[in-house]
Amino acid sequence: MNHRNTSYTFIFLLLLLISCGEGLAPPEPDLKVGPGLLRGTIIYEGGVQGWENAPDSVVAIRAAGFLSYPLPDSAGIINELLNGRAVISGFTSLPVFVDSSTFEIPIENTPTTLKYFAIAQQTSIDLNDQTIIGVYSNFPDFTPIPITIKSGDTVSIVIKVDFRNRPPQPF
């Protein structure tokens, strides 16, 4: 083999190695960035008529998720919110006396796992006067199902509220 063929072979092999680069390596994962989003639908058992079983004074309905569970007491729930260890659908009430409603909660600190997510009913102007009326759960005893939200993810959940079969309070 002459010197010229050896040079061509060497150049060919060099180009082949360079062109492969990391072509055989697995692709980079699609990394999502930014806040997460929790979307929820609340379905009221019995539709609008199901509200007949609700307490007489319904001031507000809110959705809230907590990083810890069980919760200390009703005042502790407010403290969890004020200290950033909980998320809430807002201080404005979700629709009342409806068949269903929806909410969206931006989740800034991701990844995060909400260990307890519930629908609360406020029955007076006192913010501490909250009663849990629905829990994100598939179990008859209302054992909560944790919800993990990662960066850039949108997680959708459905929670059923039955005023005749309310979950136990989380404290």
Protein backbone atom coordinates (compact mmCIF):
# COMPACT_ATOMS: atom_id res chain seq x y z
CA MET A 1 0.00 0.00 0.00
CA ASN A 2 1.46 3.30 -0.95
CA HIS A 3 1.76 6.37 1.20
CA ARG A 4 -0.97 8.22 -0.69
CA ASN A 5 -3.61 5.48 -0.09
CA THR A 6 -2.66 5.39 3.59
CA SER A 7 -3.24 9.16 3.81
CA TYR A 8 -6.65 8.85 2.12
CA THR A 9 -7.62 5.99 4.42
CA PHE A 10 -6.54 7.99 7.44
CA ILE A 11 -8.51 11.07 6.29
CA PHE A 12 -11.57 8.92 5.54
CA LEU A 13 -11.47 7.34 9.01
CA LEU A 14 -10.94 10.72 10.64
CA LEU A 15 -13.95 12.20 8.79
CA LEU A 16 -16.03 9.17 9.71
CA LEU A 17 -15.20 9.54 13.39
CA ILE A 18 -15.85 13.27 13.36
CA SER A 19 -19.20 12.89 11.58
CA CYS A 20 -20.41 10.30 14.09
CA GLY A 21 -19.82 12.68 16.97
CA GLU A 22 -22.45 11.58 19.46
CA GLY A 23 -24.83 10.29 16.81
CA LEU A 24 -25.11 6.98 18.61
CA ALA A 25 -25.66 8.57 22.03
CA PRO A 26 -29.24 8.76 23.36
CA PRO A 27 -31.01 12.07 22.67
CA GLU A 28 -30.99 14.72 25.36
CA PRO A 29 -34.21 14.65 27.40
CA ASP A 30 -36.70 17.42 26.72
CA LEU A 31 -36.19 19.52 29.84
CA LYS A 32 -39.18 21.68 30.66
CA VAL A 33 -38.63 24.96 32.42
CA GLY A 34 -40.81 27.43 34.23
CA PRO A 35 -43.61 27.15 36.75
CA GLY A 36 -46.01 24.25 36.82
CA LEU A 37 -49.78 24.46 36.65
CA LEU A 38 -52.41 22.53 38.56
CA ARG A 39 -55.79 22.41 36.82
CA GLY A 40 -58.78 21.02 38.57
CA THR A 41 -62.43 20.25 38.06
CA ILE A 42 -64.82 20.04 40.98
CA ILE A 43 -67.90 17.91 40.34
CA TYR A 44 -70.78 18.32 42.79
CA GLU A 45 -72.71 15.10 43.40
CA GLY A 46 -76.33 15.66 42.43
CA GLY A 47 -75.45 18.80 40.46
CA VAL A 48 -77.14 22.01 41.54
CA GLN A 49 -79.71 20.00 43.53
CA GLY A 50 -76.87 18.49 45.59
CA TRP A 51 -76.31 21.91 47.16
CA GLU A 52 -79.56 21.41 49.10
CA ASN A 53 -77.46 19.25 51.44
CA ALA A 54 -74.88 22.00 51.99
CA PRO A 55 -74.98 24.15 55.15
CA ASP A 56 -77.27 27.16 54.94
CA SER A 57 -74.52 29.75 54.77
CA VAL A 58 -71.92 29.14 52.09
CA VAL A 59 -69.70 32.21 51.85
CA ALA A 60 -66.98 30.77 49.61
CA ILE A 61 -65.56 27.63 48.01
CA ARG A 62 -61.79 27.30 47.54
CA ALA A 63 -59.31 24.66 46.43
CA ALA A 64 -56.12 24.29 48.45
CA GLY A 65 -53.09 22.00 48.50
CA PHE A 66 -50.64 21.43 51.34
CA LEU A 67 -47.02 20.28 51.48
CA SER A 68 -47.62 18.51 54.82
CA TYR A 69 -50.28 16.17 56.09
CA PRO A 70 -51.91 15.82 58.57
CA LEU A 71 -52.54 19.48 59.25
CA PRO A 72 -52.30 20.91 62.78
CA ASP A 73 -55.77 22.56 63.11
CA SER A 74 -58.00 25.04 61.29
CA ALA A 75 -55.77 27.97 62.34
CA GLY A 76 -52.76 25.93 61.20
CA ILE A 77 -54.23 25.80 57.70
CA ILE A 78 -54.13 29.60 57.48
CA ASN A 79 -50.55 29.55 58.84
CA GLU A 80 -49.54 27.02 56.16
CA LEU A 81 -50.89 29.38 53.49
CA LEU A 82 -49.24 32.46 54.99
CA ASN A 83 -45.87 30.67 55.31
CA GLY A 84 -45.82 29.45 51.69
CA ARG A 85 -46.34 25.77 52.55
CA ALA A 86 -49.63 25.64 50.71
CA VAL A 87 -51.27 26.78 47.48
CA ILE A 88 -54.80 28.10 47.05
CA SER A 89 -57.14 28.80 44.16
CA GLY A 90 -57.37 32.40 45.31
CA PHE A 91 -59.14 34.42 47.96
CA THR A 92 -62.10 34.97 45.66
CA SER A 93 -64.62 32.16 45.85
CA LEU A 94 -64.98 29.57 43.14
CA PRO A 95 -68.55 29.39 41.76
CA VAL A 96 -71.22 28.12 44.16
CA PHE A 97 -74.59 26.43 43.50
CA VAL A 98 -73.31 24.93 40.23
CA ASP A 99 -72.99 21.41 38.80
CA SER A 100 -69.21 21.77 38.50
CA SER A 101 -66.46 24.36 38.38
CA THR A 102 -62.82 24.58 37.39
CA PHE A 103 -59.72 26.21 38.83
CA GLU A 104 -56.07 26.77 37.93
CA ILE A 105 -53.26 27.24 40.41
CA PRO A 106 -49.77 28.24 39.20
CA ILE A 107 -47.07 26.32 41.05
CA GLU A 108 -43.95 28.49 41.20
CA ASN A 109 -41.61 26.32 43.27
CA THR A 110 -41.22 23.14 41.24
CA PRO A 111 -40.80 20.29 41.60
CA THR A 112 -43.26 20.08 44.48
CA THR A 113 -45.50 17.44 45.95
CA LEU A 114 -48.80 18.40 47.52
CA LYS A 115 -49.52 15.71 50.11
CA TYR A 116 -53.09 16.86 50.73
CA PHE A 117 -55.37 18.61 48.27
CA ALA A 118 -58.91 19.55 49.21
CA ILE A 119 -61.96 21.65 48.51
CA ALA A 120 -62.96 23.86 51.44
CA GLN A 121 -66.22 25.58 52.18
CA GLN A 122 -66.23 28.80 54.17
CA THR A 123 -69.46 29.37 56.12
CA SER A 124 -68.85 32.79 57.69
CA ILE A 125 -66.73 35.87 57.09
CA ASP A 126 -64.06 34.44 59.42
CA LEU A 127 -61.31 32.93 57.23
CA ASN A 128 -60.69 30.29 59.92
CA ASP A 129 -64.24 28.98 59.44
CA GLN A 130 -63.35 26.40 56.78
CA THR A 131 -64.81 22.91 56.39
CA ILE A 132 -63.30 20.35 54.02
CA ILE A 133 -66.00 19.08 51.65
CA GLY A 134 -63.87 17.20 49.11
CA VAL A 135 -60.42 15.56 48.98
CA TYR A 136 -58.34 14.44 46.02
CA SER A 137 -58.71 10.72 46.69
CA ASN A 138 -60.05 7.51 45.16
CA PHE A 139 -60.50 5.78 48.51
CA PRO A 140 -63.74 5.38 50.52
CA ASP A 141 -61.97 6.69 53.64
CA PHE A 142 -60.74 9.77 51.70
CA THR A 143 -57.04 8.92 52.09
CA PRO A 144 -55.37 11.72 50.13
CA ILE A 145 -53.41 11.03 46.94
CA PRO A 146 -50.23 13.14 46.64
CA ILE A 147 -49.89 15.33 43.55
CA THR A 148 -46.41 15.98 42.12
CA ILE A 149 -45.93 18.95 39.79
CA LYS A 150 -42.64 19.29 37.95
CA SER A 151 -41.20 22.32 36.20
CA GLY A 152 -43.24 23.27 33.13
CA ASP A 153 -45.83 20.53 33.71
CA THR A 154 -49.60 20.90 33.74
CA VAL A 155 -51.33 18.40 36.01
CA SER A 156 -55.11 17.94 35.79
CA ILE A 157 -57.22 16.49 38.59
CA VAL A 158 -60.91 15.86 39.31
CA ILE A 159 -62.41 16.11 42.79
CA LYS A 160 -65.92 15.01 43.66
CA VAL A 161 -67.88 16.78 46.38
CA ASP A 162 -70.84 15.03 48.01
CA PHE A 163 -72.44 17.15 50.73
CA ARG A 164 -74.10 14.01 52.15
CA ASN A 165 -70.76 12.18 52.44
CA ARG A 166 -68.13 14.66 53.51
CA PRO A 167 -64.54 13.66 54.26
CA PRO A 168 -63.08 13.85 57.75
CA GLN A 169 -61.32 17.08 58.63
CA PRO A 170 -57.53 16.90 58.16
CA PHE A 171 -56.64 17.77 61.76
